[in-house]
């Protein structure tokens, strides 16, 4: 097996786990917003959805270094050892951050780490979008048009993943209020709106990932 085949397989595997578990997470959250269910059942579904949602976040963290490894193995662009090391260190930081945020949920530490993580995702996404657009317009630094388009879309994936998290954040407060004080139309409407917005953002994310996979495998241009 050649090096690029291994990295290509791992890169594709990340996207498979990403999409598969995200569908389960969103299905659980969609079921949890049903006011006709007992709150205990809704809480169990919410916990299931949030636990499953950790897998796509892990996949997003791993996608950057795996993508750079694949880029270097295919000789699409010379990736230095230093840049590759930085990508793995950054991925490790994101993974540690996810663990800390999960175990320290609701604390100031988790909140601050979450903000730093989102800022770093914005920056990484911006770098990819700029490189992709410049390469499509000028042919530099990436000569392959299909790869420039893939990098551009991948930058948008980072931004869209942020949108998914931000859309879901308003879900928690009204949902916990239902558990503490009972259901009201206003609370249920807020819960439904948060879930709907999350589903829309997730649909955009799925389209981007499917487009990336298609371009990477077919290389239509």
Protein backbone atom coordinates (compact mmCIF):
# COMPACT_ATOMS: atom_id res chain seq x y z
CA UNK A 1 0.00 0.00 0.00
CA UNK A 2 1.33 3.39 -0.97
CA UNK A 3 1.35 6.25 1.55
CA UNK A 4 -1.28 8.31 -0.26
CA UNK A 5 -3.70 5.35 -0.24
CA UNK A 6 -3.47 5.06 3.54
CA UNK A 7 -3.99 8.78 4.12
CA UNK A 8 -6.81 8.85 1.58
CA UNK A 9 -8.53 5.98 3.38
CA UNK A 10 -8.18 7.62 6.81
CA UNK A 11 -9.32 10.96 5.38
CA UNK A 12 -12.44 9.34 3.92
CA UNK A 13 -13.06 7.36 7.11
CA UNK A 14 -13.16 10.60 9.10
CA UNK A 15 -15.92 11.95 6.87
CA UNK A 16 -17.89 8.68 7.13
CA UNK A 17 -17.85 8.77 10.94
CA UNK A 18 -18.59 12.49 10.86
CA UNK A 19 -21.73 12.21 8.76
CA UNK A 20 -22.97 8.97 10.31
CA UNK A 21 -22.83 10.03 13.94
CA UNK A 22 -24.06 13.55 13.19
CA UNK A 23 -27.24 12.11 11.69
CA UNK A 24 -27.82 10.15 14.90
CA UNK A 25 -27.11 13.18 17.08
CA UNK A 26 -29.52 15.40 15.19
CA UNK A 27 -32.21 12.71 15.13
CA UNK A 28 -31.97 12.40 18.91
CA UNK A 29 -32.21 16.17 19.41
CA UNK A 30 -35.13 16.37 16.98
CA UNK A 31 -36.98 13.74 19.01
CA UNK A 32 -36.07 15.51 22.27
CA UNK A 33 -37.96 18.65 21.29
CA UNK A 34 -41.28 16.79 21.21
CA UNK A 35 -43.31 18.22 24.14
CA UNK A 36 -45.49 15.11 24.13
CA UNK A 37 -42.66 13.02 25.58
CA UNK A 38 -41.91 12.78 29.28
CA UNK A 39 -39.11 15.14 30.27
CA UNK A 40 -36.98 12.21 31.47
CA UNK A 41 -37.15 10.70 27.98
CA UNK A 42 -36.38 14.07 26.41
CA UNK A 43 -33.38 14.48 28.70
CA UNK A 44 -32.08 11.02 27.81
CA UNK A 45 -32.40 11.81 24.11
CA UNK A 46 -30.62 15.14 24.61
CA UNK A 47 -27.72 13.49 26.42
CA UNK A 48 -27.49 10.89 23.67
CA UNK A 49 -27.45 13.58 20.99
CA UNK A 50 -24.80 15.66 22.74
CA UNK A 51 -22.60 12.61 23.33
CA UNK A 52 -22.85 11.61 19.68
CA UNK A 53 -22.08 15.19 18.66
CA UNK A 54 -18.60 14.78 20.13
CA UNK A 55 -17.63 12.43 17.28
CA UNK A 56 -18.05 15.03 14.48
CA UNK A 57 -16.01 17.50 16.53
CA UNK A 58 -13.24 14.93 16.87
CA UNK A 59 -13.42 14.26 13.13
CA UNK A 60 -13.14 17.97 12.37
CA UNK A 61 -10.01 18.18 14.52
CA UNK A 62 -8.40 15.20 12.75
CA UNK A 63 -9.38 16.29 9.25
CA UNK A 64 -6.76 19.08 9.13
CA UNK A 65 -3.59 17.00 9.75
CA UNK A 66 -4.94 14.07 7.72
CA UNK A 67 -5.69 16.42 4.84
CA UNK A 68 -2.17 17.84 4.93
CA UNK A 69 -0.69 14.33 5.09
CA UNK A 70 -2.71 13.39 2.02
CA UNK A 71 -1.68 16.58 0.23
CA UNK A 72 1.99 15.83 0.78
CA UNK A 73 1.65 12.15 -0.14
CA UNK A 74 -0.04 13.07 -3.45
CA UNK A 75 2.62 15.73 -4.18
CA UNK A 76 -0.12 18.30 -4.70
CA UNK A 77 1.85 20.86 -2.73
CA UNK A 78 5.11 20.61 -0.77
CA UNK A 79 4.10 20.32 2.88
CA UNK A 80 7.02 20.93 5.21
CA UNK A 81 7.62 18.75 8.23
CA UNK A 82 7.21 21.83 10.42
CA UNK A 83 3.77 22.61 8.99
CA UNK A 84 2.69 19.01 9.38
CA UNK A 85 3.86 18.98 12.99
CA UNK A 86 1.96 22.19 13.69
CA UNK A 87 -1.22 20.66 12.24
CA UNK A 88 -0.96 17.61 14.50
CA UNK A 89 -0.22 19.76 17.54
CA UNK A 90 -3.23 21.94 16.72
CA UNK A 91 -5.41 18.85 16.33
CA UNK A 92 -4.18 17.52 19.67
CA UNK A 93 -5.02 20.87 21.26
CA UNK A 94 -8.54 20.74 19.83
CA UNK A 95 -9.02 17.18 21.09
CA UNK A 96 -7.81 18.03 24.60
CA UNK A 97 -10.07 21.08 24.56
CA UNK A 98 -13.07 18.91 23.69
CA UNK A 99 -12.35 16.55 26.58
CA UNK A 100 -11.92 19.40 29.06
CA UNK A 101 -15.07 21.13 27.82
CA UNK A 102 -17.02 17.88 28.22
CA UNK A 103 -15.76 17.14 31.73
CA UNK A 104 -15.94 20.77 32.95
CA UNK A 105 -19.19 21.62 31.23
CA UNK A 106 -20.76 24.83 32.50
CA UNK A 107 -17.58 26.22 34.07
CA UNK A 108 -15.70 29.37 33.07
CA UNK A 109 -12.78 27.21 31.93
CA UNK A 110 -14.96 25.25 29.51
CA UNK A 111 -16.55 28.45 28.22
CA UNK A 112 -13.20 30.15 27.56
CA UNK A 113 -11.69 27.07 25.95
CA UNK A 114 -14.74 26.80 23.72
CA UNK A 115 -14.34 30.39 22.60
CA UNK A 116 -10.64 29.93 21.83
CA UNK A 117 -11.44 26.79 19.88
CA UNK A 118 -14.05 28.56 17.79
CA UNK A 119 -11.69 31.47 17.10
CA UNK A 120 -9.00 29.06 15.91
CA UNK A 121 -11.54 27.37 13.63
CA UNK A 122 -12.48 30.74 12.16
CA UNK A 123 -8.82 31.50 11.43
CA UNK A 124 -8.08 28.09 9.91
CA UNK A 125 -11.21 28.33 7.78
CA UNK A 126 -10.24 31.82 6.61
CA UNK A 127 -6.75 30.66 5.59
CA UNK A 128 -8.22 27.80 3.56
CA UNK A 129 -10.82 30.00 1.88
CA UNK A 130 -8.24 32.64 0.92
CA UNK A 131 -5.79 30.05 -0.46
CA UNK A 132 -8.56 28.28 -2.34
CA UNK A 133 -9.96 31.45 -3.89
CA UNK A 134 -6.51 32.77 -4.83
CA UNK A 135 -5.57 29.44 -6.38
CA UNK A 136 -8.77 29.32 -8.43
CA UNK A 137 -8.17 32.88 -9.64
CA UNK A 138 -4.42 32.77 -10.28
CA UNK A 139 -3.31 29.14 -10.19
CA UNK A 140 -1.09 29.76 -7.17
CA UNK A 141 -0.14 28.37 -4.77
CA UNK A 142 -2.24 25.35 -5.84
CA UNK A 143 -2.12 24.48 -9.54
CA UNK A 144 -4.77 21.77 -9.48
CA UNK A 145 -8.19 23.41 -9.87
CA UNK A 146 -10.05 20.54 -8.25
CA UNK A 147 -7.84 20.68 -5.19
CA UNK A 148 -8.19 24.44 -4.87
CA UNK A 149 -11.98 24.04 -4.96
CA UNK A 150 -11.77 21.28 -2.37
CA UNK A 151 -9.67 23.44 -0.05
CA UNK A 152 -12.09 26.34 -0.44
CA UNK A 153 -15.05 24.14 0.49
CA UNK A 154 -13.10 22.67 3.39
CA UNK A 155 -12.57 26.18 4.76
CA UNK A 156 -16.33 26.69 4.56
CA UNK A 157 -16.77 23.43 6.48
CA UNK A 158 -14.89 24.92 9.44
CA UNK A 159 -17.18 27.96 9.40
CA UNK A 160 -20.34 25.88 8.98
CA UNK A 161 -19.33 23.58 11.85
CA UNK A 162 -19.12 26.71 14.00
CA UNK A 163 -22.60 27.71 12.83
CA UNK A 164 -23.95 24.31 13.90
CA UNK A 165 -22.57 24.76 17.42
CA UNK A 166 -23.82 28.35 17.70
CA UNK A 167 -27.29 27.40 16.48
CA UNK A 168 -27.53 24.68 19.12
CA UNK A 169 -26.43 26.84 22.05
CA UNK A 170 -29.86 28.50 22.60
CA UNK A 171 -31.37 25.03 23.07
CA UNK A 172 -30.02 24.43 26.57
CA UNK A 173 -31.60 27.24 28.63
CA UNK A 174 -35.25 26.82 27.61
CA UNK A 175 -34.90 23.04 27.68
CA UNK A 176 -33.64 23.05 31.27
CA UNK A 177 -36.37 25.53 32.19
CA UNK A 178 -38.92 22.98 30.95
CA UNK A 179 -37.43 20.44 33.33
CA UNK A 180 -37.40 22.85 36.28
CA UNK A 181 -40.58 24.82 35.77
CA UNK A 182 -42.63 22.95 33.21
CA UNK A 183 -43.44 23.33 29.55
CA UNK A 184 -44.79 26.59 28.10
CA UNK A 185 -45.43 27.57 24.47
CA UNK A 186 -42.62 30.13 24.66
CA UNK A 187 -40.07 27.62 25.91
CA UNK A 188 -41.10 24.96 23.43
CA UNK A 189 -40.94 27.52 20.63
CA UNK A 190 -37.39 28.48 21.64
CA UNK A 191 -36.38 24.82 21.75
CA UNK A 192 -37.90 24.15 18.35
CA UNK A 193 -36.27 27.21 16.81
CA UNK A 194 -32.81 26.18 18.08
CA UNK A 195 -33.23 22.65 16.71
CA UNK A 196 -34.55 23.91 13.35
CA UNK A 197 -31.63 26.31 12.94
CA UNK A 198 -29.21 23.51 13.83
CA UNK A 199 -30.79 21.22 11.25
CA UNK A 200 -30.46 23.88 8.55
CA UNK A 201 -26.80 24.52 9.38
CA UNK A 202 -26.16 20.77 9.47
CA UNK A 203 -27.80 20.32 6.05
CA UNK A 204 -25.38 22.90 4.63
CA UNK A 205 -22.51 21.06 6.31
CA UNK A 206 -23.60 17.73 4.78
CA UNK A 207 -23.76 19.29 1.31
CA UNK A 208 -20.25 20.71 1.69
CA UNK A 209 -18.79 17.40 2.88
CA UNK A 210 -20.51 15.46 0.09
CA UNK A 211 -19.17 17.98 -2.45
CA UNK A 212 -15.65 17.67 -1.01
CA UNK A 213 -15.78 13.87 -1.17
CA UNK A 214 -17.07 13.99 -4.75
CA UNK A 215 -14.43 16.45 -5.94
CA UNK A 216 -11.65 14.57 -4.17
CA UNK A 217 -12.58 11.20 -5.70
CA UNK A 218 -13.83 12.22 -9.17
CA UNK A 219 -11.64 15.32 -9.78
CA UNK A 220 -14.11 16.70 -12.34
CA UNK A 221 -12.00 19.74 -13.28
